[in-house]
PDB file of all heavy atoms in Angstrom:
ATOM      1  N   GLY A   1      94.249 112.731 113.299  1.00  0.00           N
ATOM      2  CA  GLY A   1      95.326 111.850 113.693  1.00  0.00           C
ATOM      3  C   GLY A   1      94.833 110.614 114.373  1.00  0.00           C
ATOM      4  O   GLY A   1      95.298 109.503 114.075  1.00  0.00           O
ATOM      5  N   THR A   2      93.881 110.734 115.326  1.00  0.00           N
ATOM      6  CA  THR A   2      93.433 109.554 116.060  1.00  0.00           C
ATOM      7  C   THR A   2      92.390 108.758 115.283  1.00  0.00           C
ATOM      8  O   THR A   2      92.175 107.576 115.544  1.00  0.00           O
ATOM      9  CB  THR A   2      92.767 110.001 117.403  1.00  0.00           C
ATOM     10  OG1 THR A   2      91.792 111.034 117.156  1.00  0.00           O
ATOM     11  CG2 THR A   2      93.849 110.548 118.324  1.00  0.00           C
ATOM     12  N   ALA A   3      91.719 109.376 114.283  1.00  0.00           N
ATOM     13  CA  ALA A   3      90.751 108.660 113.471  1.00  0.00           C
ATOM     14  C   ALA A   3      91.377 107.989 112.243  1.00  0.00           C
ATOM     15  O   ALA A   3      90.772 107.082 111.665  1.00  0.00           O
ATOM     16  CB  ALA A   3      89.650 109.580 113.003  1.00  0.00           C
ATOM     17  N   LEU A   4      92.577 108.388 111.884  1.00  0.00           N
ATOM     18  CA  LEU A   4      93.212 107.814 110.713  1.00  0.00           C
ATOM     19  C   LEU A   4      93.397 106.282 110.831  1.00  0.00           C
ATOM     20  O   LEU A   4      93.074 105.573 109.874  1.00  0.00           O
ATOM     21  CB  LEU A   4      94.564 108.512 110.449  1.00  0.00           C
ATOM     22  CG  LEU A   4      95.341 108.047 109.208  1.00  0.00           C
ATOM     23  CD1 LEU A   4      94.522 108.301 107.961  1.00  0.00           C
ATOM     24  CD2 LEU A   4      96.675 108.792 109.122  1.00  0.00           C
ATOM     25  N   PRO A   5      93.921 105.794 111.979  1.00  0.00           N
ATOM     26  CA  PRO A   5      94.044 104.312 112.070  1.00  0.00           C
ATOM     27  C   PRO A   5      92.723 103.581 111.921  1.00  0.00           C
ATOM     28  O   PRO A   5      92.682 102.529 111.272  1.00  0.00           O
ATOM     29  CB  PRO A   5      94.610 104.117 113.511  1.00  0.00           C
ATOM     30  CG  PRO A   5      95.305 105.402 113.783  1.00  0.00           C
ATOM     31  CD  PRO A   5      94.467 106.467 113.154  1.00  0.00           C
ATOM     32  N   GLU A   6      91.648 104.141 112.458  1.00  0.00           N
ATOM     33  CA  GLU A   6      90.344 103.513 112.338  1.00  0.00           C
ATOM     34  C   GLU A   6      89.874 103.486 110.890  1.00  0.00           C
ATOM     35  O   GLU A   6      89.262 102.500 110.428  1.00  0.00           O
ATOM     36  CB  GLU A   6      89.275 104.240 113.203  1.00  0.00           C
ATOM     37  CG  GLU A   6      89.649 104.267 114.686  1.00  0.00           C
ATOM     38  CD  GLU A   6      89.106 105.497 115.353  1.00  0.00           C
ATOM     39  OE1 GLU A   6      88.027 105.945 114.950  1.00  0.00           O
ATOM     40  OE2 GLU A   6      89.736 106.003 116.284  1.00  0.00           O
ATOM     41  N   SER A   7      90.150 104.583 110.188  1.00  0.00           N
ATOM     42  CA  SER A   7      89.745 104.647 108.779  1.00  0.00           C
ATOM     43  C   SER A   7      90.494 103.599 107.944  1.00  0.00           C
ATOM     44  O   SER A   7      89.964 103.014 107.035  1.00  0.00           O
ATOM     45  CB  SER A   7      90.010 106.056 108.217  1.00  0.00           C
ATOM     46  OG  SER A   7      89.210 107.007 108.876  1.00  0.00           O
ATOM     47  N   ILE A   8      91.806 103.406 108.304  1.00  0.00           N
ATOM     48  CA  ILE A   8      92.612 102.384 107.601  1.00  0.00           C
ATOM     49  C   ILE A   8      92.038 100.979 107.879  1.00  0.00           C
ATOM     50  O   ILE A   8      91.910 100.161 107.002  1.00  0.00           O
ATOM     51  CB  ILE A   8      94.054 102.494 108.042  1.00  0.00           C
ATOM     52  CG1 ILE A   8      94.664 103.816 107.550  1.00  0.00           C
ATOM     53  CG2 ILE A   8      94.880 101.304 107.491  1.00  0.00           C
ATOM     54  CD1 ILE A   8      96.074 104.072 108.078  1.00  0.00           C
ATOM     55  N   ILE A   9      91.642 100.772 109.181  1.00  0.00           N
ATOM     56  CA  ILE A   9      91.097  99.466 109.537  1.00  0.00           C
ATOM     57  C   ILE A   9      89.762  99.237 108.767  1.00  0.00           C
ATOM     58  O   ILE A   9      89.528  98.137 108.239  1.00  0.00           O
ATOM     59  CB  ILE A   9      90.820  99.396 111.043  1.00  0.00           C
ATOM     60  CG1 ILE A   9      92.161  99.415 111.817  1.00  0.00           C
ATOM     61  CG2 ILE A   9      90.004  98.180 111.420  1.00  0.00           C
ATOM     62  CD1 ILE A   9      92.007  99.552 113.318  1.00  0.00           C
ATOM     63  N   THR A  10      88.942 100.259 108.637  1.00  0.00           N
ATOM     64  CA  THR A  10      87.691 100.130 107.891  1.00  0.00           C
ATOM     65  C   THR A  10      87.982  99.824 106.427  1.00  0.00           C
ATOM     66  O   THR A  10      87.324  98.986 105.812  1.00  0.00           O
ATOM     67  CB  THR A  10      86.881 101.422 108.018  1.00  0.00           C
ATOM     68  OG1 THR A  10      86.591 101.716 109.400  1.00  0.00           O
ATOM     69  CG2 THR A  10      85.555 101.312 107.272  1.00  0.00           C
ATOM     70  N   LEU A  11      88.962 100.528 105.849  1.00  0.00           N
ATOM     71  CA  LEU A  11      89.326 100.264 104.463  1.00  0.00           C
ATOM     72  C   LEU A  11      89.759  98.847 104.212  1.00  0.00           C
ATOM     73  O   LEU A  11      89.301  98.195 103.272  1.00  0.00           O
ATOM     74  CB  LEU A  11      90.420 101.258 104.024  1.00  0.00           C
ATOM     75  CG  LEU A  11      90.975 101.066 102.601  1.00  0.00           C
ATOM     76  CD1 LEU A  11      89.879 101.288 101.560  1.00  0.00           C
ATOM     77  CD2 LEU A  11      92.167 101.999 102.351  1.00  0.00           C
ATOM     78  N   VAL A  12      90.617  98.324 105.105  1.00  0.00           N
ATOM     79  CA  VAL A  12      91.060  96.954 104.969  1.00  0.00           C
ATOM     80  C   VAL A  12      89.872  95.986 105.076  1.00  0.00           C
ATOM     81  O   VAL A  12      89.789  94.995 104.323  1.00  0.00           O
ATOM     82  CB  VAL A  12      92.153  96.636 106.053  1.00  0.00           C
ATOM     83  CG1 VAL A  12      92.478  95.160 106.025  1.00  0.00           C
ATOM     84  CG2 VAL A  12      93.404  97.461 105.782  1.00  0.00           C
ATOM     85  N   ALA A  13      88.960  96.281 106.006  1.00  0.00           N
ATOM     86  CA  ALA A  13      87.836  95.421 106.217  1.00  0.00           C
ATOM     87  C   ALA A  13      86.892  95.381 104.984  1.00  0.00           C
ATOM     88  O   ALA A  13      86.459  94.310 104.554  1.00  0.00           O
ATOM     89  CB  ALA A  13      87.056  95.836 107.468  1.00  0.00           C
ATOM     90  N   VAL A  14      86.543  96.548 104.504  1.00  0.00           N
ATOM     91  CA  VAL A  14      85.573  96.579 103.398  1.00  0.00           C
ATOM     92  C   VAL A  14      86.164  96.062 102.091  1.00  0.00           C
ATOM     93  O   VAL A  14      85.439  95.658 101.185  1.00  0.00           O
ATOM     94  CB  VAL A  14      84.995  98.008 103.187  1.00  0.00           C
ATOM     95  CG1 VAL A  14      84.252  98.469 104.421  1.00  0.00           C
ATOM     96  CG2 VAL A  14      86.066  98.982 102.783  1.00  0.00           C
ATOM     97  N   LEU A  15      87.473  96.072 101.966  1.00  0.00           N
ATOM     98  CA  LEU A  15      88.142  95.541 100.764  1.00  0.00           C
ATOM     99  C   LEU A  15      88.329  94.051 100.859  1.00  0.00           C
ATOM    100  O   LEU A  15      88.796  93.429  99.901  1.00  0.00           O
ATOM    101  CB  LEU A  15      89.454  96.243 100.506  1.00  0.00           C
ATOM    102  CG  LEU A  15      89.367  97.707 100.062  1.00  0.00           C
ATOM    103  CD1 LEU A  15      90.747  98.308  99.872  1.00  0.00           C
ATOM    104  CD2 LEU A  15      88.549  97.842  98.744  1.00  0.00           C
ATOM    105  N   GLY A  16      88.044  93.444 102.037  1.00  0.00           N
ATOM    106  CA  GLY A  16      88.274  92.026 102.256  1.00  0.00           C
ATOM    107  C   GLY A  16      87.291  91.204 101.406  1.00  0.00           C
ATOM    108  O   GLY A  16      86.290  91.675 100.923  1.00  0.00           O
ATOM    109  N   ASN A  17      87.662  89.937 101.201  1.00  0.00           N
ATOM    110  CA  ASN A  17      86.844  89.048 100.385  1.00  0.00           C
ATOM    111  C   ASN A  17      85.665  88.454 101.106  1.00  0.00           C
ATOM    112  O   ASN A  17      84.614  88.149 100.532  1.00  0.00           O
ATOM    113  CB  ASN A  17      87.745  87.905  99.849  1.00  0.00           C
ATOM    114  CG  ASN A  17      88.788  88.415  98.904  1.00  0.00           C
ATOM    115  OD1 ASN A  17      88.528  89.316  98.137  1.00  0.00           O
ATOM    116  ND2 ASN A  17      89.967  87.844  98.958  1.00  0.00           N
ATOM    117  N   GLY A  18      85.805  88.269 102.429  1.00  0.00           N
ATOM    118  CA  GLY A  18      84.724  87.627 103.182  1.00  0.00           C
ATOM    119  C   GLY A  18      83.621  88.568 103.563  1.00  0.00           C
ATOM    120  O   GLY A  18      83.847  89.792 103.772  1.00  0.00           O
ATOM    121  N   ALA A  19      82.400  88.036 103.679  1.00  0.00           N
ATOM    122  CA  ALA A  19      81.253  88.842 104.121  1.00  0.00           C
ATOM    123  C   ALA A  19      81.448  89.305 105.546  1.00  0.00           C
ATOM    124  O   ALA A  19      81.007  90.406 105.893  1.00  0.00           O
ATOM    125  CB  ALA A  19      79.973  88.021 103.957  1.00  0.00           C
ATOM    126  N   GLY A  20      82.093  88.495 106.359  1.00  0.00           N
ATOM    127  CA  GLY A  20      82.311  88.891 107.779  1.00  0.00           C
ATOM    128  C   GLY A  20      83.198  90.099 107.876  1.00  0.00           C
ATOM    129  O   GLY A  20      82.940  90.998 108.681  1.00  0.00           O
ATOM    130  N   GLN A  21      84.242  90.178 106.998  1.00  0.00           N
ATOM    131  CA  GLN A  21      85.112  91.344 107.049  1.00  0.00           C
ATOM    132  C   GLN A  21      84.343  92.604 106.666  1.00  0.00           C
ATOM    133  O   GLN A  21      84.519  93.677 107.256  1.00  0.00           O
ATOM    134  CB  GLN A  21      86.288  91.139 106.108  1.00  0.00           C
ATOM    135  CG  GLN A  21      87.387  90.219 106.658  1.00  0.00           C
ATOM    136  CD  GLN A  21      88.530  90.119 105.654  1.00  0.00           C
ATOM    137  OE1 GLN A  21      88.405  89.603 104.572  1.00  0.00           O
ATOM    138  NE2 GLN A  21      89.686  90.631 106.060  1.00  0.00           N
ATOM    139  N   LYS A  22      83.533  92.485 105.626  1.00  0.00           N
ATOM    140  CA  LYS A  22      82.739  93.673 105.211  1.00  0.00           C
ATOM    141  C   LYS A  22      81.767  94.120 106.271  1.00  0.00           C
ATOM    142  O   LYS A  22      81.549  95.317 106.472  1.00  0.00           O
ATOM    143  CB  LYS A  22      82.013  93.349 103.896  1.00  0.00           C
ATOM    144  CG  LYS A  22      82.946  93.157 102.717  1.00  0.00           C
ATOM    145  CD  LYS A  22      82.162  92.905 101.420  1.00  0.00           C
ATOM    146  CE  LYS A  22      83.103  92.658 100.267  1.00  0.00           C
ATOM    147  NZ  LYS A  22      83.894  93.829  99.918  1.00  0.00           N
ATOM    148  N   ASP A  23      81.186  93.127 107.018  1.00  0.00           N
ATOM    149  CA  ASP A  23      80.283  93.469 108.100  1.00  0.00           C
ATOM    150  C   ASP A  23      81.016  94.240 109.200  1.00  0.00           C
ATOM    151  O   ASP A  23      80.469  95.166 109.807  1.00  0.00           O
ATOM    152  CB  ASP A  23      79.680  92.177 108.682  1.00  0.00           C
ATOM    153  CG  ASP A  23      78.661  91.544 107.727  1.00  0.00           C
ATOM    154  OD1 ASP A  23      78.191  92.292 106.817  1.00  0.00           O
ATOM    155  OD2 ASP A  23      78.329  90.385 107.917  1.00  0.00           O
ATOM    156  N   ILE A  24      82.246  93.848 109.457  1.00  0.00           N
ATOM    157  CA  ILE A  24      83.066  94.533 110.472  1.00  0.00           C
ATOM    158  C   ILE A  24      83.293  95.991 110.049  1.00  0.00           C
ATOM    159  O   ILE A  24      83.209  96.920 110.852  1.00  0.00           O
ATOM    160  CB  ILE A  24      84.414  93.832 110.677  1.00  0.00           C
ATOM    161  CG1 ILE A  24      84.175  92.490 111.430  1.00  0.00           C
ATOM    162  CG2 ILE A  24      85.384  94.699 111.485  1.00  0.00           C
ATOM    163  CD1 ILE A  24      85.449  91.611 111.497  1.00  0.00           C
ATOM    164  N   GLY A  25      83.548  96.170 108.752  1.00  0.00           N
ATOM    165  CA  GLY A  25      83.747  97.526 108.233  1.00  0.00           C
ATOM    166  C   GLY A  25      82.534  98.412 108.364  1.00  0.00           C
ATOM    167  O   GLY A  25      82.625  99.566 108.817  1.00  0.00           O
ATOM    168  N   VAL A  26      81.369  97.841 108.043  1.00  0.00           N
ATOM    169  CA  VAL A  26      80.121  98.603 108.193  1.00  0.00           C
ATOM    170  C   VAL A  26      79.806  98.866 109.676  1.00  0.00           C
ATOM    171  O   VAL A  26      79.426  99.997 110.049  1.00  0.00           O
ATOM    172  CB  VAL A  26      78.937  97.846 107.547  1.00  0.00           C
ATOM    173  CG1 VAL A  26      77.618  98.582 107.785  1.00  0.00           C
ATOM    174  CG2 VAL A  26      79.179  97.675 106.063  1.00  0.00           C
ATOM    175  N   GLY A  27      80.033  97.891 110.512  1.00  0.00           N
ATOM    176  CA  GLY A  27      79.831  98.046 111.972  1.00  0.00           C
ATOM    177  C   GLY A  27      80.721  99.111 112.550  1.00  0.00           C
ATOM    178  O   GLY A  27      80.309  99.898 113.400  1.00  0.00           O
ATOM    179  N   SER A  28      81.965  99.179 112.078  1.00  0.00           N
ATOM    180  CA  SER A  28      82.889 100.226 112.543  1.00  0.00           C
ATOM    181  C   SER A  28      82.395 101.603 112.177  1.00  0.00           C
ATOM    182  O   SER A  28      82.513 102.563 112.931  1.00  0.00           O
ATOM    183  CB  SER A  28      84.291  99.966 111.938  1.00  0.00           C
ATOM    184  OG  SER A  28      85.170 100.993 112.280  1.00  0.00           O
ATOM    185  N   ALA A  29      81.861 101.742 110.929  1.00  0.00           N
ATOM    186  CA  ALA A  29      81.332 103.029 110.478  1.00  0.00           C
ATOM    187  C   ALA A  29      80.164 103.494 111.286  1.00  0.00           C
ATOM    188  O   ALA A  29      79.924 104.723 111.412  1.00  0.00           O
ATOM    189  CB  ALA A  29      80.992 102.977 109.012  1.00  0.00           C
ATOM    190  N   LEU A  30      79.381 102.589 111.858  1.00  0.00           N
ATOM    191  CA  LEU A  30      78.217 102.937 112.698  1.00  0.00           C
ATOM    192  C   LEU A  30      78.586 102.996 114.152  1.00  0.00           C
ATOM    193  O   LEU A  30      78.068 103.833 114.894  1.00  0.00           O
ATOM    194  CB  LEU A  30      77.081 101.910 112.500  1.00  0.00           C
ATOM    195  CG  LEU A  30      76.025 102.208 111.418  1.00  0.00           C
ATOM    196  CD1 LEU A  30      75.170 103.370 111.824  1.00  0.00           C
ATOM    197  CD2 LEU A  30      76.637 102.391 110.050  1.00  0.00           C
ATOM    198  N   GLY A  31      79.446 102.096 114.598  1.00  0.00           N
ATOM    199  CA  GLY A  31      79.772 102.058 116.009  1.00  0.00           C
ATOM    200  C   GLY A  31      80.618 103.199 116.527  1.00  0.00           C
ATOM    201  O   GLY A  31      80.447 103.653 117.664  1.00  0.00           O
ATOM    202  N   GLY A  32      81.518 103.710 115.684  1.00  0.00           N
ATOM    203  CA  GLY A  32      82.376 104.845 116.091  1.00  0.00           C
ATOM    204  C   GLY A  32      81.573 106.076 116.517  1.00  0.00           C
ATOM    205  O   GLY A  32      81.732 106.609 117.624  1.00  0.00           O
ATOM    206  N   PRO A  33      80.660 106.581 115.641  1.00  0.00           N
ATOM    207  CA  PRO A  33      79.888 107.741 116.023  1.00  0.00           C
ATOM    208  C   PRO A  33      79.006 107.475 117.278  1.00  0.00           C
ATOM    209  O   PRO A  33      78.780 108.389 118.079  1.00  0.00           O
ATOM    210  CB  PRO A  33      78.971 107.969 114.817  1.00  0.00           C
ATOM    211  CG  PRO A  33      79.769 107.414 113.657  1.00  0.00           C
ATOM    212  CD  PRO A  33      80.459 106.200 114.251  1.00  0.00           C
ATOM    213  N   LEU A  34      78.506 106.261 117.452  1.00  0.00           N
ATOM    214  CA  LEU A  34      77.705 105.917 118.636  1.00  0.00           C
ATOM    215  C   LEU A  34      78.514 106.115 119.912  1.00  0.00           C
ATOM    216  O   LEU A  34      78.066 106.745 120.873  1.00  0.00           O
ATOM    217  CB  LEU A  34      77.190 104.476 118.535  1.00  0.00           C
ATOM    218  CG  LEU A  34      76.511 103.941 119.822  1.00  0.00           C
ATOM    219  CD1 LEU A  34      75.240 104.697 120.088  1.00  0.00           C
ATOM    220  CD2 LEU A  34      76.250 102.430 119.655  1.00  0.00           C
ATOM    221  N   VAL A  35      79.735 105.588 119.896  1.00  0.00           N
ATOM    222  CA  VAL A  35      80.583 105.717 121.098  1.00  0.00           C
ATOM    223  C   VAL A  35      80.981 107.170 121.366  1.00  0.00           C
ATOM    224  O   VAL A  35      80.933 107.631 122.506  1.00  0.00           O
ATOM    225  CB  VAL A  35      81.863 104.855 120.921  1.00  0.00           C
ATOM    226  CG1 VAL A  35      82.862 105.133 122.031  1.00  0.00           C
ATOM    227  CG2 VAL A  35      81.517 103.398 120.900  1.00  0.00           C
ATOM    228  N   LEU A  36      81.258 107.926 120.327  1.00  0.00           N
ATOM    229  CA  LEU A  36      81.610 109.307 120.500  1.00  0.00           C
ATOM    230  C   LEU A  36      80.438 110.156 121.026  1.00  0.00           C
ATOM    231  O   LEU A  36      80.624 111.002 121.879  1.00  0.00           O
ATOM    232  CB  LEU A  36      82.122 109.911 119.184  1.00  0.00           C
ATOM    233  CG  LEU A  36      83.480 109.378 118.680  1.00  0.00           C
ATOM    234  CD1 LEU A  36      83.774 109.858 117.281  1.00  0.00           C
ATOM    235  CD2 LEU A  36      84.603 109.816 119.616  1.00  0.00           C
TER     236      LEU A  36
END
């Protein structure tokens, strides 16, 4: 339940056209486990 919104945010980011958006998606996939 609490990870679903983050997964949606990552999906939107990696599907974006800009390189910056894709970087945000990859950073989210690495940053989440680090914080946990």
